[in-house]
Structures are given as structure tokens and as C-alpha cells.
All heavy atoms as atom14 arrays in JSON, in Angstrom:
{
  "sequence": "VPVNTVWTRLYHARKEFFALAAKYRLKHRKML",
  "atom14_mask": [
    [1, 1, 1, 1, 1, 1, 1, 0, 0, 0, 0, 0, 0, 0],
    [1, 1, 1, 1, 1, 1, 1, 0, 0, 0, 0, 0, 0, 0],
    [1, 1, 1, 1, 1, 1, 1, 0, 0, 0, 0, 0, 0, 0],
    [1, 1, 1, 1, 1, 1, 1, 1, 0, 0, 0, 0, 0, 0],
    [1, 1, 1, 1, 1, 1, 1, 0, 0, 0, 0, 0, 0, 0],
    [1, 1, 1, 1, 1, 1, 1, 0, 0, 0, 0, 0, 0, 0],
    [1, 1, 1, 1, 1, 1, 1, 1, 1, 1, 1, 1, 1, 1],
    [1, 1, 1, 1, 1, 1, 1, 0, 0, 0, 0, 0, 0, 0],
    [1, 1, 1, 1, 1, 1, 1, 1, 1, 1, 1, 0, 0, 0],
    [1, 1, 1, 1, 1, 1, 1, 1, 0, 0, 0, 0, 0, 0],
    [1, 1, 1, 1, 1, 1, 1, 1, 1, 1, 1, 1, 0, 0],
    [1, 1, 1, 1, 1, 1, 1, 1, 1, 1, 0, 0, 0, 0],
    [1, 1, 1, 1, 1, 0, 0, 0, 0, 0, 0, 0, 0, 0],
    [1, 1, 1, 1, 1, 1, 1, 1, 1, 1, 1, 0, 0, 0],
    [1, 1, 1, 1, 1, 1, 1, 1, 1, 0, 0, 0, 0, 0],
    [1, 1, 1, 1, 1, 1, 1, 1, 1, 0, 0, 0, 0, 0],
    [1, 1, 1, 1, 1, 1, 1, 1, 1, 1, 1, 0, 0, 0],
    [1, 1, 1, 1, 1, 1, 1, 1, 1, 1, 1, 0, 0, 0],
    [1, 1, 1, 1, 1, 0, 0, 0, 0, 0, 0, 0, 0, 0],
    [1, 1, 1, 1, 1, 1, 1, 1, 0, 0, 0, 0, 0, 0],
    [1, 1, 1, 1, 1, 0, 0, 0, 0, 0, 0, 0, 0, 0],
    [1, 1, 1, 1, 1, 0, 0, 0, 0, 0, 0, 0, 0, 0],
    [1, 1, 1, 1, 1, 1, 1, 1, 1, 0, 0, 0, 0, 0],
    [1, 1, 1, 1, 1, 1, 1, 1, 1, 1, 1, 1, 0, 0],
    [1, 1, 1, 1, 1, 1, 1, 1, 1, 1, 1, 0, 0, 0],
    [1, 1, 1, 1, 1, 1, 1, 1, 0, 0, 0, 0, 0, 0],
    [1, 1, 1, 1, 1, 1, 1, 1, 1, 0, 0, 0, 0, 0],
    [1, 1, 1, 1, 1, 1, 1, 1, 1, 1, 0, 0, 0, 0],
    [1, 1, 1, 1, 1, 1, 1, 1, 1, 1, 1, 0, 0, 0],
    [1, 1, 1, 1, 1, 1, 1, 1, 1, 0, 0, 0, 0, 0],
    [1, 1, 1, 1, 1, 1, 1, 1, 0, 0, 0, 0, 0, 0],
    [1, 1, 1, 1, 1, 1, 1, 1, 0, 0, 0, 0, 0, 0]
  ],
  "atom14_positions": [
    [[-9.42, -0.93, 17.35], [-10.03, -1.8, 16.34], [-10.13, -3.2, 16.92], [-9.42, -3.54, 17.87], [-9.2, -1.83, 15.03], [-9.14, -0.46, 14.38], [-7.8, -2.38, 15.26], [0.0, 0.0, 0.0], [0.0, 0.0, 0.0], [0.0, 0.0, 0.0], [0.0, 0.0, 0.0], [0.0, 0.0, 0.0], [0.0, 0.0, 0.0], [0.0, 0.0, 0.0]],
    [[-10.98, -4.05, 16.34], [-11.04, -5.44, 16.8], [-9.71, -6.15, 16.52], [-9.01, -5.83, 15.56], [-12.16, -6.06, 15.96], [-12.94, -4.92, 15.42], [-12.0, -3.76, 15.33], [0.0, 0.0, 0.0], [0.0, 0.0, 0.0], [0.0, 0.0, 0.0], [0.0, 0.0, 0.0], [0.0, 0.0, 0.0], [0.0, 0.0, 0.0], [0.0, 0.0, 0.0]],
    [[-9.37, -7.13, 17.35], [-8.1, -7.83, 17.2], [-8.05, -8.57, 15.86], [-6.97, -8.69, 15.27], [-7.84, -8.78, 18.4], [-8.69, -10.03, 18.34], [-6.37, -9.12, 18.5], [0.0, 0.0, 0.0], [0.0, 0.0, 0.0], [0.0, 0.0, 0.0], [0.0, 0.0, 0.0], [0.0, 0.0, 0.0], [0.0, 0.0, 0.0], [0.0, 0.0, 0.0]],
    [[-9.18, -9.01, 15.34], [-9.18, -9.67, 14.03], [-8.77, -8.7, 12.93], [-8.15, -9.09, 11.94], [-10.54, -10.29, 13.72], [-10.77, -11.54, 14.54], [-9.84, -12.17, 15.02], [-12.03, -11.91, 14.71], [0.0, 0.0, 0.0], [0.0, 0.0, 0.0], [0.0, 0.0, 0.0], [0.0, 0.0, 0.0], [0.0, 0.0, 0.0], [0.0, 0.0, 0.0]],
    [[-9.11, -7.44, 13.09], [-8.68, -6.42, 12.12], [-7.17, -6.28, 12.14], [-6.53, -6.14, 11.09], [-9.35, -5.07, 12.44], [-10.77, -5.23, 12.39], [-8.92, -3.99, 11.47], [0.0, 0.0, 0.0], [0.0, 0.0, 0.0], [0.0, 0.0, 0.0], [0.0, 0.0, 0.0], [0.0, 0.0, 0.0], [0.0, 0.0, 0.0], [0.0, 0.0, 0.0]],
    [[-6.58, -6.34, 13.33], [-5.12, -6.27, 13.46], [-4.48, -7.43, 12.71], [-3.54, -7.24, 11.93], [-4.69, -6.29, 14.94], [-3.17, -6.43, 15.06], [-5.16, -5.04, 15.65], [0.0, 0.0, 0.0], [0.0, 0.0, 0.0], [0.0, 0.0, 0.0], [0.0, 0.0, 0.0], [0.0, 0.0, 0.0], [0.0, 0.0, 0.0], [0.0, 0.0, 0.0]],
    [[-5.01, -8.65, 12.91], [-4.42, -9.82, 12.24], [-4.58, -9.72, 10.72], [-3.67, -10.11, 9.98], [-5.04, -11.12, 12.76], [-4.77, -11.35, 14.22], [-5.68, -11.65, 15.18], [-3.5, -11.28, 14.89], [-5.07, -11.77, 16.4], [-3.74, -11.56, 16.26], [-2.2, -11.02, 14.48], [-2.71, -11.58, 17.2], [-1.19, -11.04, 15.43], [-1.45, -11.32, 16.77]],
    [[-5.71, -9.19, 10.27], [-5.91, -9.01, 8.83], [-4.91, -8.01, 8.28], [-4.3, -8.22, 7.23], [-7.35, -8.56, 8.54], [-8.25, -9.54, 9.04], [-7.59, -8.35, 7.07], [0.0, 0.0, 0.0], [0.0, 0.0, 0.0], [0.0, 0.0, 0.0], [0.0, 0.0, 0.0], [0.0, 0.0, 0.0], [0.0, 0.0, 0.0], [0.0, 0.0, 0.0]],
    [[-4.74, -6.9, 8.99], [-3.77, -5.89, 8.55], [-2.35, -6.45, 8.52], [-1.58, -6.19, 7.6], [-3.83, -4.67, 9.47], [-5.08, -3.84, 9.29], [-5.15, -2.72, 10.3], [-6.34, -1.92, 10.09], [-6.69, -0.9, 10.86], [-5.93, -0.55, 11.89], [-7.79, -0.22, 10.61], [0.0, 0.0, 0.0], [0.0, 0.0, 0.0], [0.0, 0.0, 0.0]],
    [[-2.01, -7.24, 9.55], [-0.68, -7.85, 9.59], [-0.48, -8.81, 8.43], [0.59, -8.83, 7.81], [-0.48, -8.59, 10.91], [-0.04, -7.75, 12.09], [-0.09, -8.56, 13.37], [1.36, -7.2, 11.88], [0.0, 0.0, 0.0], [0.0, 0.0, 0.0], [0.0, 0.0, 0.0], [0.0, 0.0, 0.0], [0.0, 0.0, 0.0], [0.0, 0.0, 0.0]],
    [[-1.49, -9.61, 8.15], [-1.4, -10.57, 7.04], [-1.1, -9.84, 5.73], [-0.18, -10.19, 5.0], [-2.7, -11.36, 6.93], [-2.79, -12.19, 5.67], [-2.14, -13.41, 5.58], [-3.51, -11.73, 4.57], [-2.2, -14.17, 4.42], [-3.57, -12.47, 3.4], [-2.92, -13.7, 3.34], [-2.98, -14.44, 2.18], [0.0, 0.0, 0.0], [0.0, 0.0, 0.0]],
    [[-1.9, -8.8, 5.45], [-1.72, -8.06, 4.19], [-0.41, -7.27, 4.19], [0.26, -7.17, 3.15], [-2.9, -7.14, 3.93], [-4.16, -7.87, 3.6], [-4.3, -8.6, 2.45], [-5.31, -8.02, 4.29], [-5.49, -9.16, 2.42], [-6.13, -8.83, 3.53], [0.0, 0.0, 0.0], [0.0, 0.0, 0.0], [0.0, 0.0, 0.0], [0.0, 0.0, 0.0]],
    [[-0.03, -6.72, 5.34], [1.22, -5.95, 5.42], [2.42, -6.86, 5.17], [3.34, -6.49, 4.43], [1.35, -5.28, 6.78], [0.0, 0.0, 0.0], [0.0, 0.0, 0.0], [0.0, 0.0, 0.0], [0.0, 0.0, 0.0], [0.0, 0.0, 0.0], [0.0, 0.0, 0.0], [0.0, 0.0, 0.0], [0.0, 0.0, 0.0], [0.0, 0.0, 0.0]],
    [[2.41, -8.05, 5.75], [3.51, -8.99, 5.52], [3.59, -9.38, 4.05], [4.69, -9.42, 3.47], [3.32, -10.25, 6.37], [3.62, -10.06, 7.82], [3.36, -11.34, 8.58], [3.64, -11.18, 9.98], [2.91, -11.75, 10.94], [1.88, -12.51, 10.64], [3.24, -11.56, 12.2], [0.0, 0.0, 0.0], [0.0, 0.0, 0.0], [0.0, 0.0, 0.0]],
    [[2.44, -9.67, 3.49], [2.39, -10.07, 2.08], [2.96, -8.94, 1.19], [3.79, -9.18, 0.32], [0.94, -10.37, 1.71], [0.74, -11.05, 0.41], [-0.73, -11.43, 0.25], [-0.98, -12.03, -1.11], [-2.37, -12.43, -1.28], [0.0, 0.0, 0.0], [0.0, 0.0, 0.0], [0.0, 0.0, 0.0], [0.0, 0.0, 0.0], [0.0, 0.0, 0.0]],
    [[2.51, -7.71, 1.44], [3.01, -6.56, 0.68], [4.5, -6.35, 0.92], [5.25, -6.08, -0.02], [2.26, -5.29, 1.09], [0.89, -5.14, 0.51], [0.27, -3.81, 0.93], [0.79, -2.76, 0.51], [-0.71, -3.84, 1.68], [0.0, 0.0, 0.0], [0.0, 0.0, 0.0], [0.0, 0.0, 0.0], [0.0, 0.0, 0.0], [0.0, 0.0, 0.0]],
    [[4.91, -6.45, 2.19], [6.31, -6.22, 2.53], [7.22, -7.18, 1.77], [8.21, -6.76, 1.16], [6.53, -6.35, 4.04], [7.95, -6.1, 4.46], [8.42, -4.81, 4.63], [8.83, -7.16, 4.65], [9.74, -4.57, 4.99], [10.14, -6.95, 5.01], [10.6, -5.65, 5.19], [0.0, 0.0, 0.0], [0.0, 0.0, 0.0], [0.0, 0.0, 0.0]],
    [[6.9, -8.47, 1.82], [7.76, -9.45, 1.15], [7.72, -9.3, -0.37], [8.74, -9.48, -1.03], [7.4, -10.86, 1.59], [7.77, -11.14, 3.03], [6.81, -11.51, 3.95], [9.08, -10.99, 3.46], [7.15, -11.74, 5.27], [9.43, -11.22, 4.78], [8.46, -11.6, 5.7], [0.0, 0.0, 0.0], [0.0, 0.0, 0.0], [0.0, 0.0, 0.0]],
    [[6.58, -8.94, -0.91], [6.49, -8.71, -2.36], [7.33, -7.5, -2.76], [8.07, -7.54, -3.75], [5.03, -8.53, -2.78], [0.0, 0.0, 0.0], [0.0, 0.0, 0.0], [0.0, 0.0, 0.0], [0.0, 0.0, 0.0], [0.0, 0.0, 0.0], [0.0, 0.0, 0.0], [0.0, 0.0, 0.0], [0.0, 0.0, 0.0], [0.0, 0.0, 0.0]],
    [[7.23, -6.42, -1.98], [8.01, -5.21, -2.27], [9.51, -5.46, -2.09], [10.33, -4.97, -2.87], [7.55, -4.05, -1.38], [6.17, -3.48, -1.7], [5.68, -2.6, -0.56], [6.2, -2.7, -3.01], [0.0, 0.0, 0.0], [0.0, 0.0, 0.0], [0.0, 0.0, 0.0], [0.0, 0.0, 0.0], [0.0, 0.0, 0.0], [0.0, 0.0, 0.0]],
    [[9.87, -6.24, -1.06], [11.28, -6.55, -0.84], [11.84, -7.39, -1.98], [12.96, -7.15, -2.45], [11.46, -7.28, 0.5], [0.0, 0.0, 0.0], [0.0, 0.0, 0.0], [0.0, 0.0, 0.0], [0.0, 0.0, 0.0], [0.0, 0.0, 0.0], [0.0, 0.0, 0.0], [0.0, 0.0, 0.0], [0.0, 0.0, 0.0], [0.0, 0.0, 0.0]],
    [[11.05, -8.36, -2.46], [11.49, -9.19, -3.58], [11.64, -8.35, -4.84], [12.61, -8.5, -5.6], [10.49, -10.32, -3.81], [0.0, 0.0, 0.0], [0.0, 0.0, 0.0], [0.0, 0.0, 0.0], [0.0, 0.0, 0.0], [0.0, 0.0, 0.0], [0.0, 0.0, 0.0], [0.0, 0.0, 0.0], [0.0, 0.0, 0.0], [0.0, 0.0, 0.0]],
    [[10.7, -7.44, -5.06], [10.76, -6.55, -6.22], [12.0, -5.66, -6.14], [12.7, -5.45, -7.14], [9.49, -5.7, -6.25], [9.31, -4.87, -7.48], [7.96, -4.16, -7.41], [7.75, -3.25, -8.58], [6.46, -2.54, -8.5], [0.0, 0.0, 0.0], [0.0, 0.0, 0.0], [0.0, 0.0, 0.0], [0.0, 0.0, 0.0], [0.0, 0.0, 0.0]],
    [[12.29, -5.15, -4.95], [13.48, -4.31, -4.77], [14.75, -5.1, -5.06], [15.64, -4.63, -5.76], [13.52, -3.74, -3.35], [14.76, -2.94, -3.12], [14.85, -1.61, -3.51], [15.89, -3.53, -2.55], [16.01, -0.89, -3.33], [17.06, -2.81, -2.37], [17.11, -1.49, -2.76], [18.27, -0.78, -2.59], [0.0, 0.0, 0.0], [0.0, 0.0, 0.0]],
    [[14.85, -6.33, -4.5], [16.03, -7.16, -4.73], [16.22, -7.46, -6.22], [17.34, -7.4, -6.73], [15.92, -8.47, -3.94], [16.32, -8.34, -2.5], [16.52, -9.68, -1.84], [15.32, -10.49, -1.85], [14.39, -10.5, -0.9], [14.54, -9.71, 0.14], [13.34, -11.28, -0.99], [0.0, 0.0, 0.0], [0.0, 0.0, 0.0], [0.0, 0.0, 0.0]],
    [[15.13, -7.77, -6.91], [15.2, -8.07, -8.34], [15.69, -6.85, -9.11], [16.58, -6.95, -9.96], [13.84, -8.53, -8.86], [13.77, -8.9, -10.33], [14.67, -10.1, -10.61], [12.33, -9.22, -10.71], [0.0, 0.0, 0.0], [0.0, 0.0, 0.0], [0.0, 0.0, 0.0], [0.0, 0.0, 0.0], [0.0, 0.0, 0.0], [0.0, 0.0, 0.0]],
    [[15.13, -5.7, -8.8], [15.54, -4.46, -9.46], [17.01, -4.16, -9.19], [17.76, -3.79, -10.08], [14.65, -3.31, -8.97], [14.96, -1.98, -9.6], [14.03, -0.92, -9.05], [14.4, 0.45, -9.55], [13.58, 1.49, -8.95], [0.0, 0.0, 0.0], [0.0, 0.0, 0.0], [0.0, 0.0, 0.0], [0.0, 0.0, 0.0], [0.0, 0.0, 0.0]],
    [[17.4, -4.32, -7.93], [18.79, -4.05, -7.54], [19.74, -5.03, -8.22], [20.82, -4.63, -8.67], [18.91, -4.13, -6.02], [20.25, -3.74, -5.5], [20.72, -2.44, -5.57], [21.24, -4.47, -4.93], [21.94, -2.39, -5.07], [22.27, -3.61, -4.67], [0.0, 0.0, 0.0], [0.0, 0.0, 0.0], [0.0, 0.0, 0.0], [0.0, 0.0, 0.0]],
    [[19.36, -6.28, -8.33], [20.2, -7.3, -8.97], [20.39, -6.96, -10.44], [21.48, -7.08, -10.98], [19.56, -8.67, -8.81], [20.5, -9.8, -9.15], [19.9, -11.17, -8.87], [19.5, -11.31, -7.49], [18.35, -11.85, -7.09], [17.48, -12.3, -7.97], [18.05, -11.94, -5.82], [0.0, 0.0, 0.0], [0.0, 0.0, 0.0], [0.0, 0.0, 0.0]],
    [[19.31, -6.52, -11.12], [19.41, -6.17, -12.53], [20.32, -4.97, -12.75], [21.03, -4.88, -13.74], [18.02, -5.86, -13.1], [17.2, -7.1, -13.34], [15.88, -6.74, -13.95], [15.05, -7.99, -14.19], [13.75, -7.69, -14.78], [0.0, 0.0, 0.0], [0.0, 0.0, 0.0], [0.0, 0.0, 0.0], [0.0, 0.0, 0.0], [0.0, 0.0, 0.0]],
    [[20.31, -4.04, -11.78], [21.17, -2.86, -11.9], [22.64, -3.24, -11.78], [23.5, -2.59, -12.37], [20.81, -1.83, -10.82], [19.49, -1.14, -11.08], [18.94, -0.05, -9.74], [20.38, 0.86, -9.33], [0.0, 0.0, 0.0], [0.0, 0.0, 0.0], [0.0, 0.0, 0.0], [0.0, 0.0, 0.0], [0.0, 0.0, 0.0], [0.0, 0.0, 0.0]],
    [[22.94, -4.29, -11.03], [24.33, -4.71, -10.83], [24.86, -5.57, -11.96], [26.07, -5.73, -12.09], [24.47, -5.46, -9.51], [24.22, -4.64, -8.23], [24.28, -5.54, -7.01], [25.23, -3.51, -8.12], [0.0, 0.0, 0.0], [0.0, 0.0, 0.0], [0.0, 0.0, 0.0], [0.0, 0.0, 0.0], [0.0, 0.0, 0.0], [0.0, 0.0, 0.0]]
  ]
}
């Protein structure tokens, strides 16, 4: 794929990763 596609995928993957991690932490904190 073009290198710009890689950077776009990385941008969205990071954004999703941090959002999912925050959601997991919040859920885990509420359980405790």
C-alpha cells in the first residue's frame, strides 16, 4: 500500500486503541 495509507491506518489505530483502553479502564474502575 502507499506509505500515506500506512500513516492513515496508524493514526486511526492509535485513536481507536487509546479510546478502547480508556473505556476498558473506566469499566474496570467501576467494577472495583
